[in-house]
Amino acid sequence: MAMHIGMSDLTILRYAKSWNYGFYTFVGVYLGHFVAWIASGILYAVFLQANSGSQEFAPGQIAYQTLGLAGAVCVIIAGWTTANPTIYRAGLACRGFFRRFLPGKSRRSWV
């Protein structure tokens, strides 16, 4: 919700050369979410069959039990890709802050 309501995931399109890039991104994100929710339901169904009566819902453990190491890697990659727009937005905010309050200073002088 934080990514879509705040439109944080669209910050990467601010330099797009055409509106078509936003449309193609929408189509890819929509289809990707659709497939991800179906896959999530299948993974949870397999987890519940293997662990009957379990009330637990831990994505990492469910992915690891159903898909092994590949499932755990997928959960890590999913978390990273979700954080990407936020990392990019934070970088833009820091750059704007330093340009506003410390004009003339190079970024390299802070590293």
Protein backbone atom coordinates (compact mmCIF):
# COMPACT_ATOMS: atom_id res chain seq x y z
CA MET A 1 0.00 0.00 0.00
CA ALA A 2 2.77 2.43 0.82
CA MET A 3 4.28 2.04 -2.64
CA HIS A 4 1.06 2.36 -4.63
CA ILE A 5 -0.90 4.97 -2.68
CA GLY A 6 2.15 7.21 -2.37
CA MET A 7 3.04 6.39 -5.98
CA SER A 8 6.60 5.80 -4.83
CA ASP A 9 7.04 3.06 -7.38
CA LEU A 10 6.50 5.63 -10.15
CA THR A 11 9.43 7.83 -9.16
CA ILE A 12 11.65 5.88 -11.50
CA LEU A 13 9.49 7.06 -14.42
CA ARG A 14 10.10 10.76 -13.83
CA TYR A 15 12.67 10.85 -16.62
CA ALA A 16 10.73 8.64 -19.03
CA LYS A 17 10.79 9.81 -22.62
CA SER A 18 7.19 8.82 -23.35
CA TRP A 19 3.90 8.21 -21.50
CA ASN A 20 3.98 4.69 -22.95
CA TYR A 21 6.61 3.70 -20.40
CA GLY A 22 4.14 4.35 -17.60
CA PHE A 23 1.47 2.34 -19.38
CA TYR A 24 3.81 -0.61 -19.95
CA THR A 25 4.89 -0.45 -16.32
CA PHE A 26 1.25 -0.55 -15.24
CA VAL A 27 0.56 -3.62 -17.38
CA GLY A 28 3.64 -5.42 -16.04
CA VAL A 29 2.91 -4.53 -12.42
CA TYR A 30 -0.75 -5.56 -12.72
CA LEU A 31 0.06 -8.91 -14.28
CA GLY A 32 2.94 -9.44 -11.86
CA HIS A 33 0.73 -8.83 -8.84
CA PHE A 34 -1.95 -11.12 -10.26
CA VAL A 35 0.52 -13.97 -10.71
CA ALA A 36 2.15 -13.26 -7.32
CA TRP A 37 -1.18 -13.51 -5.46
CA ILE A 38 -2.02 -16.78 -7.21
CA ALA A 39 1.43 -18.16 -6.36
CA SER A 40 1.04 -16.98 -2.77
CA GLY A 41 -2.27 -18.81 -2.46
CA ILE A 42 -0.77 -22.00 -3.88
CA LEU A 43 2.22 -21.80 -1.52
CA TYR A 44 -0.03 -21.29 1.49
CA ALA A 45 -2.29 -24.18 0.45
CA VAL A 46 0.73 -26.49 0.19
CA PHE A 47 1.99 -25.25 3.57
CA LEU A 48 -1.39 -25.90 5.22
CA GLN A 49 -1.56 -29.41 3.76
CA ALA A 50 1.90 -30.21 5.11
CA ASN A 51 1.24 -28.58 8.51
CA SER A 52 -2.43 -29.27 9.19
CA GLY A 53 -3.98 -26.97 11.76
CA SER A 54 -1.13 -24.47 11.72
CA GLN A 55 -2.12 -20.87 12.45
CA GLU A 56 1.32 -19.57 11.52
CA PHE A 57 1.97 -17.33 8.56
CA ALA A 58 5.65 -16.58 8.11
CA PRO A 59 6.41 -15.97 4.42
CA GLY A 60 10.05 -17.02 4.65
CA GLN A 61 9.31 -20.28 6.41
CA ILE A 62 6.40 -21.11 4.09
CA ALA A 63 8.50 -20.47 0.99
CA TYR A 64 11.40 -22.49 2.40
CA GLN A 65 9.20 -25.47 3.35
CA THR A 66 7.44 -25.58 -0.01
CA LEU A 67 10.21 -24.61 -2.43
CA GLY A 68 13.38 -25.09 -0.43
CA LEU A 69 16.29 -22.71 -0.81
CA ALA A 70 14.83 -21.26 -4.04
CA GLY A 71 11.73 -20.15 -2.11
CA ALA A 72 13.81 -18.42 0.55
CA VAL A 73 15.82 -16.63 -2.15
CA CYS A 74 12.56 -15.53 -3.83
CA VAL A 75 11.32 -13.97 -0.56
CA ILE A 76 14.60 -12.05 -0.20
CA ILE A 77 14.46 -10.82 -3.81
CA ALA A 78 10.81 -9.80 -3.40
CA GLY A 79 11.71 -7.72 -0.35
CA TRP A 80 14.59 -6.07 -2.17
CA THR A 81 12.51 -5.19 -5.24
CA THR A 82 9.80 -3.74 -3.00
CA ALA A 83 12.37 -1.54 -1.25
CA ASN A 84 13.97 -0.27 -4.49
CA PRO A 85 11.58 2.67 -5.10
CA THR A 86 11.91 3.74 -1.47
CA ILE A 87 15.70 3.66 -1.65
CA TYR A 88 15.60 5.72 -4.85
CA ARG A 89 13.16 8.22 -3.33
CA ALA A 90 15.33 8.55 -0.20
CA GLY A 91 18.34 9.25 -2.41
CA LEU A 92 16.44 12.00 -4.22
CA ALA A 93 15.37 13.50 -0.89
CA CYS A 94 18.94 13.49 0.44
CA ARG A 95 20.23 15.08 -2.74
CA GLY A 96 17.57 17.80 -2.54
CA PHE A 97 18.37 18.42 1.13
CA PHE A 98 22.10 18.79 0.52
CA ARG A 99 21.59 21.01 -2.51
CA ARG A 100 19.24 23.25 -0.55
CA PHE A 101 21.09 23.54 2.75
CA LEU A 102 24.69 22.95 1.67
CA PRO A 103 25.05 24.55 -1.74
CA GLY A 104 28.38 24.22 -3.45
CA LYS A 105 29.41 21.15 -1.43
CA SER A 106 30.33 18.05 -3.36
CA ARG A 107 28.80 14.70 -2.43
CA ARG A 108 32.30 13.27 -2.34
CA SER A 109 33.28 15.59 0.48
CA TRP A 110 30.81 13.75 2.75
CA VAL A 111 32.02 10.24 1.96
